[in-house]
Protein backbone atom coordinates (compact mmCIF):
# COMPACT_ATOMS: atom_id res chain seq x y z
CA MET A 1 -33.98 -44.30 77.34
CA SER A 2 -31.78 -42.91 74.93
CA THR A 3 -31.43 -44.20 71.11
CA LEU A 4 -29.10 -44.01 68.35
CA ILE A 5 -29.57 -43.17 65.36
CA GLY A 6 -26.88 -44.01 62.47
CA ILE A 7 -26.79 -43.52 58.82
CA ARG A 8 -25.67 -46.63 56.92
CA GLY A 9 -23.73 -46.36 53.57
CA ASP A 10 -23.03 -48.87 51.63
CA ALA A 11 -22.35 -52.41 52.87
CA ASN A 12 -18.30 -51.65 52.61
CA ASP A 13 -18.12 -47.74 54.00
CA GLY A 14 -20.56 -48.74 57.34
CA LEU A 15 -21.99 -46.05 59.27
CA TYR A 16 -22.22 -42.71 57.15
CA SER A 17 -19.75 -39.61 59.10
CA PRO A 18 -19.72 -35.99 57.80
CA ALA A 19 -15.80 -35.95 58.75
CA LYS A 20 -15.32 -39.27 57.03
CA GLU A 21 -16.62 -37.56 53.60
CA LYS A 22 -14.75 -34.83 53.91
CA ALA A 23 -11.58 -36.43 55.15
CA ALA A 24 -12.27 -38.37 51.72
CA ASN A 25 -12.82 -35.34 49.82
CA ARG A 26 -9.73 -33.81 50.71
CA GLY A 27 -7.19 -36.82 50.15
CA ALA A 28 -9.34 -36.61 45.88
CA TYR A 29 -8.59 -33.09 45.67
CA ILE A 30 -4.84 -33.86 47.16
CA SER A 31 -4.39 -37.07 44.55
CA ARG A 32 -5.70 -34.83 41.56
CA SER A 33 -3.44 -31.28 42.65
CA PRO A 34 -0.05 -33.04 41.24
CA LEU A 35 -1.65 -33.66 38.06
CA LEU A 36 -3.13 -30.15 37.48
CA LEU A 37 0.67 -28.81 38.63
CA ARG A 38 1.95 -31.09 36.07
CA ARG A 39 -0.02 -30.33 33.27
CA VAL A 40 0.22 -26.41 34.15
CA ARG A 41 4.33 -26.82 33.78
CA GLN A 42 3.67 -28.88 30.61
CA LEU A 43 1.82 -25.45 29.30
CA LEU A 44 4.54 -23.30 30.77
CA VAL A 45 7.37 -25.46 28.87
CA LEU A 46 5.53 -25.47 25.65
CA ALA A 47 4.93 -22.25 25.49
CA LYS A 48 8.82 -21.21 26.07
CA VAL A 49 9.63 -23.53 23.48
CA LYS A 50 7.55 -21.59 21.10
CA VAL A 51 8.26 -18.57 22.29
CA ILE A 52 11.87 -19.80 21.93
CA LEU A 53 11.59 -21.03 17.88
CA GLY A 54 9.95 -18.02 17.29
CA LEU A 55 12.78 -15.99 17.86
CA CYS A 56 15.17 -18.23 16.55
CA ALA A 57 13.01 -17.81 13.12
CA LEU A 58 13.37 -14.16 13.53
CA CYS A 59 16.95 -14.43 13.88
CA VAL A 60 17.34 -16.18 10.64
CA VAL A 61 15.34 -14.49 8.84
CA VAL A 62 17.04 -11.44 10.01
CA LEU A 63 20.14 -12.64 8.97
CA LEU A 64 19.44 -14.40 5.93
CA THR A 65 17.69 -10.48 4.21
CA SER A 66 20.92 -8.74 6.20
CA ARG A 67 23.20 -10.91 3.45
CA LEU A 68 20.86 -10.63 0.90
CA SER A 69 21.12 -7.48 1.25
CA SER A 70 25.09 -6.80 1.01
CA PHE A 71 25.01 -9.67 -1.45
CA MET A 72 22.37 -7.56 -3.91
CA GLY A 73 24.28 -4.45 -2.87
CA TRP A 74 20.74 -3.01 -1.56
CA ASN A 75 20.82 0.14 0.89
CA PRO A 76 17.67 0.53 2.37
CA HIS A 77 18.69 3.93 4.37
CA HIS A 78 19.20 5.90 1.01
CA PRO A 79 18.43 9.68 0.54
CA SER A 80 15.42 10.80 -0.18
CA SER A 81 16.20 13.76 -2.42
CA VAL A 82 17.34 13.35 -5.90
CA SER A 83 19.55 16.54 -5.10
CA SER A 84 20.89 15.14 -1.95
CA PRO A 85 24.89 16.79 -0.55
CA SER A 86 26.04 13.05 0.16
CA ARG A 87 25.31 11.89 -3.60
CA GLY A 88 26.05 15.20 -5.43
CA GLY A 89 22.92 14.59 -8.09
CA TYR A 90 24.41 12.48 -11.43
CA THR A 91 26.74 13.40 -14.43
CA VAL A 92 25.27 13.10 -17.45
CA LEU A 93 27.51 11.54 -20.11
CA ILE A 94 26.36 12.27 -24.16
CA ASN A 95 28.49 9.76 -26.57
CA THR A 96 27.74 12.14 -29.59
CA TRP A 97 28.70 11.97 -33.22
CA ASN A 98 28.35 14.82 -36.12
CA GLN A 99 25.08 15.45 -35.10
CA ASN A 100 25.38 19.27 -33.14
CA SER A 101 21.97 19.98 -34.14
CA LEU A 102 20.85 16.70 -31.68
CA LEU A 103 23.53 17.51 -29.61
CA LYS A 104 22.04 20.97 -28.40
CA GLN A 105 18.32 19.54 -27.51
CA SER A 106 20.35 16.73 -25.50
CA VAL A 107 22.09 19.24 -23.56
CA ALA A 108 19.38 21.41 -22.97
CA HIS A 109 17.20 18.70 -22.35
CA TYR A 110 19.27 17.39 -19.61
CA ALA A 111 20.33 20.51 -18.10
CA SER A 112 17.24 21.51 -17.29
CA CYS A 113 16.56 18.20 -14.98
CA SER A 114 17.13 18.97 -11.31
CA GLY A 115 19.20 16.22 -10.37
CA THR A 116 21.90 16.70 -13.07
CA ASP A 117 25.08 17.80 -11.22
CA ALA A 118 27.49 18.20 -14.16
CA ILE A 119 27.57 17.09 -18.13
CA HIS A 120 30.24 15.62 -20.06
CA VAL A 121 30.12 15.18 -23.87
CA VAL A 122 32.15 12.12 -25.04
CA TRP A 123 33.79 13.82 -28.48
CA SER A 124 35.54 11.44 -30.63
CA GLU A 125 35.36 13.23 -34.13
CA SER A 126 37.97 13.66 -35.94
CA ASP A 127 37.82 17.72 -35.55
CA PRO A 128 37.34 19.38 -32.05
CA PRO A 129 34.02 21.19 -31.41
CA SER A 130 33.80 24.69 -32.20
CA GLU A 131 34.45 27.55 -29.72
CA SER A 132 30.79 28.61 -31.25
CA LEU A 133 29.51 25.68 -30.67
CA LYS A 134 31.38 25.26 -26.89
CA ALA A 135 30.17 28.65 -26.09
CA TYR A 136 26.66 27.61 -27.19
CA LEU A 137 26.30 24.68 -25.13
CA LYS A 138 27.32 26.97 -22.10
CA LYS A 139 25.40 29.69 -22.10
CA ILE A 140 22.45 26.89 -23.31
CA VAL A 141 22.98 25.35 -19.72
CA LEU A 142 23.23 28.21 -17.53
CA SER A 143 19.55 28.98 -18.61
CA LYS A 144 18.29 26.18 -18.75
CA SER A 145 19.08 24.90 -15.38
CA GLN A 146 16.83 25.01 -12.66
CA THR A 147 18.81 24.55 -9.63
CA ALA A 148 20.67 27.94 -8.05
CA GLN A 149 23.96 25.65 -8.69
CA LYS A 150 24.64 25.74 -12.27
CA PRO A 151 25.49 22.18 -13.55
CA ASN A 152 29.37 22.21 -14.82
CA PHE A 153 29.89 21.40 -18.48
CA LYS A 154 32.54 19.95 -20.18
CA PHE A 155 33.63 18.36 -23.53
CA ASP A 156 36.10 15.33 -23.28
CA ILE A 157 37.85 15.27 -26.30
CA ASN A 158 38.77 12.41 -27.83
CA GLU A 159 42.11 11.90 -30.59
CA GLU A 160 40.55 8.53 -31.91
CA ASP A 161 37.07 7.60 -32.73
CA ASN A 162 36.17 4.47 -30.80
CA LEU A 163 32.72 3.17 -29.11
CA ASN A 164 34.47 2.72 -25.98
CA ASN A 165 35.36 6.02 -25.59
CA ARG A 166 32.32 6.65 -23.48
CA PHE A 167 33.93 4.08 -20.94
CA LYS A 168 37.27 5.84 -20.01
CA PRO A 169 37.99 7.28 -17.00
CA ILE A 170 36.44 10.72 -16.34
CA GLU A 171 38.51 13.98 -15.47
CA ASP A 172 36.89 16.03 -12.47
CA LEU A 173 34.37 13.90 -11.75
CA ARG A 174 32.01 14.75 -8.71
CA THR A 175 29.13 12.33 -8.33
CA ASP A 176 29.35 8.95 -7.52
CA ALA A 177 25.87 8.71 -10.33
CA ILE A 178 26.77 8.67 -14.41
CA PHE A 179 23.90 8.25 -16.92
CA SER A 180 25.66 7.24 -19.91
CA VAL A 181 23.30 8.07 -23.02
CA ASN A 182 23.30 8.87 -26.97
CA ASP A 183 22.48 12.62 -28.42
CA ASP A 184 19.71 11.12 -30.06
CA VAL A 185 17.96 9.39 -26.57
CA ILE A 186 16.21 11.51 -24.60
CA VAL A 187 14.72 10.22 -21.20
CA PRO A 188 12.03 12.53 -19.10
CA CYS A 189 13.43 14.39 -16.41
CA PRO A 190 11.19 12.47 -13.49
CA THR A 191 11.93 9.53 -15.22
CA LEU A 192 15.66 9.84 -14.75
CA ASN A 193 15.21 11.41 -11.39
CA PHE A 194 13.19 8.12 -10.29
CA ALA A 195 16.22 5.81 -11.64
CA PHE A 196 18.34 8.21 -9.50
CA THR A 197 16.20 7.08 -6.55
CA VAL A 198 16.45 3.40 -7.64
CA TRP A 199 20.22 3.44 -7.99
CA GLN A 200 20.65 5.38 -4.46
CA SER A 201 19.10 2.31 -3.00
CA ALA A 202 21.98 0.36 -4.78
CA PRO A 203 25.34 1.86 -5.66
CA PHE A 204 26.91 -1.06 -6.93
CA ALA A 205 23.70 -2.37 -9.16
CA MET A 206 22.94 -0.78 -12.16
CA VAL A 207 19.97 0.55 -13.54
CA GLY A 208 19.14 1.99 -16.85
CA PHE A 209 16.77 1.91 -19.64
CA VAL A 210 16.07 -0.05 -23.23
CA PRO A 211 14.78 3.03 -25.41
CA ARG A 212 16.02 1.15 -28.75
CA MET A 213 13.14 -0.30 -30.82
CA HIS A 214 13.58 -3.34 -33.14
CA TRP A 215 11.05 -4.65 -35.65
CA LEU A 216 11.08 -6.57 -39.04
CA ASP A 217 11.10 -5.00 -42.48
CA LYS A 218 10.14 -6.33 -45.50
CA VAL A 219 13.12 -5.97 -46.78
CA VAL A 220 14.21 -9.20 -43.94
CA SER A 221 11.11 -10.31 -43.29
CA ASN A 222 13.01 -14.39 -44.56
CA LEU A 223 15.59 -13.83 -41.76
CA ASN A 224 15.41 -16.89 -39.55
CA PRO A 225 14.46 -17.42 -35.63
CA SER A 226 18.09 -17.12 -34.85
CA SER A 227 18.92 -13.79 -37.00
CA ILE A 228 15.66 -12.12 -35.49
CA LEU A 229 16.32 -13.11 -32.06
CA ALA A 230 20.36 -11.22 -32.88
CA LEU A 231 18.56 -8.23 -33.68
CA LEU A 232 16.18 -8.33 -31.13
CA PHE A 233 19.21 -8.33 -28.00
CA SER A 234 22.07 -6.42 -30.11
């Protein structure tokens, strides 16, 4: 006598069958696979979009930086040495007027700066410089210079007395950089050399100092604010 034993599931499924359960599980997995693939594709597309947007933003930043650098005259590939042969150092243009003692001190100081390639003295007095003054200044340039190639020294003599003489074209100019200064102003050599390196990074801009100082005296203490500003910014 044989007995048929069946395991009943719920009322709708009828008898339990392992094969039927495997088929049901496989169908559920197959139905979930397209959803998983779609989700993976969405993530990949989103990642690609982020990468493209990042590259676009980087290109915009680089473009704006290059345009701004060109507009400001900025050149990041500048030589690191103040005595670079490509620039030739700098020319010191000294404006003087009837102050030979200050002129001697000024020439001696700037001749000792390592970046000085030449020294030109703007002479606007009615009488030309004496031969003894010329000889003394040339000698002091040779003695104070600490470089193998000694700075060139020259007087730029003008027939008329004019403050604008310092802005006239300079003959025999060998450098791109010109440092214009009065004979009573002494800028330390390290500071001047640093200013030259700054100028090299932006050669179409101007780099300078503001050594003059103004203050109120008791005699002019009753000036109105506009007059005070005129003194400060003149």
